[in-house]
Amino acid sequence: MADSAVRLYQSTDTGAPQCDGVAGSLIAVLDACLVTGYASVNVSSIVVSSGVATVTTATGHGLSAVGTTRPCVRIEGATPAELNGDWRVTIAGSTTFTFETAVSDQTATGGITTKRAPAGWEKAYTGTNKAAYRSQDVTGTRLYLRVDDTVGMYANVSGYETMSDIDTGTGAFNGGGTGRWSKSTVANTNARAWRVFADSRCVYLFVNKGSNQDNYEVACGWFGDIISNLSADAYGCGIVANDQYDYDYVLSKLFSSYLSSQLARAYTQIGAAISFYQASSDLVGHTYGMGYNGMPYPSPVGNELIAFPVQCVQRSDALYRGDMPGLYGPAHNMRSVVDGTVITGVQVSGSSRDFMVLTLRGSGSYRVLMDMTGPWR
């Protein structure tokens, strides 16, 4: 099966749920991206020939590549069963796409459907406008993300080591729910632009909580497993949220005291939750916010993008615990680069990746980079 670990979801996708200032809308977005997928369509045929499966849908699938990164889909209901599952596909037309397979030449049968594939999480517990999410990846920590989306303009979020129902858990991190993931500046049904980046072990959320695309005020958050420096880190799971409503561009900050960011436990694996901050090795003028200053983009030296992983550092002892998966800090002043710009051909660990530029706070302010291609780990 094709590598499909990293997922990008956007509010502009066909069939994407709406995020707004109404209670429950963030739950709908997270359900669709992490658990269920979205934009299901019926499949008219799957024909396998010479190791390539050609899928024809009954109606337009609405899929497209972003940069050179191809979309991930889930096939269900096919016989042979080996065609079912998640695939990174090549778009051949408005109703056709292809993927490589080891299945022998044949035409599949069954009531087949396809949709944008979810990231591989489960919804462990639910309540009215509440949900607790958990990774299904057994190689990870599998700690819980609790989202209380009852307010409307923002959701209260927290991590837990264990949970027994939607309102009961142990080992809370992020203050047992004092962190916020903002959705809108007003409590109404006006749709807000959003993006979600996820793999099977962590999720990033970016929401333009305002309506002015030229003066972005992007709220952001993260939950999941870091890329730990420990060989076995059962508590290397963290959460980033804002602890004040006006500081919800926190993922762009380095060394910040405004971050409501905690790991489940210290590297010793004992005790309670600990705070962490983000750092970067970019060495080019960044002392606080990413993408605000530094060398020109692209680099005058090699006409290229230079970026560095964002580090997770325990605040109490300044110990470097690991990296934030998929998140990079540019060594450039990128304030003139348009939000959503895709930079292709970025070399990471010997492979070519697509990076997306994300605007946080304001159009002339901070920028972060997300690896769209992966794998992150």
Foldseek 3Di string as FASTA:
>chain_A
DDDDFKAKDWPPFVFQFFFALAQQRVVSNCCCAAPNPGQKFWWPKWWDDPQKTKTFTPFFSRFDAQPPFAFKKAKPFKPVPQVGGIFRWADDDRGIIMGGDPDDTDMIDGRMMMGRDHQAKDFPADDRSKTKIFFPDPVFLGWIWIWRRHRRQKIFIWIASAADYNQDGHLIALVSGLFIQGAAPDRDRPGWIKMWMGGRFKIKIWTQRYDDLQWGAIAMKMWGAFAFPDPDASFRIKIWGFNDPNCRLQVQWFPDPRTSMWISDDRVNDDGIFGKGKDWPLPAPDDIGFLQAAAAPPHPVPNHWDKTFIFIAGPVPRHTTHTHFQKIGTRHNCLQPRFQDWDWQDDDPRDTWIWGWHDHRTSRGGIIIGTRHDDRD
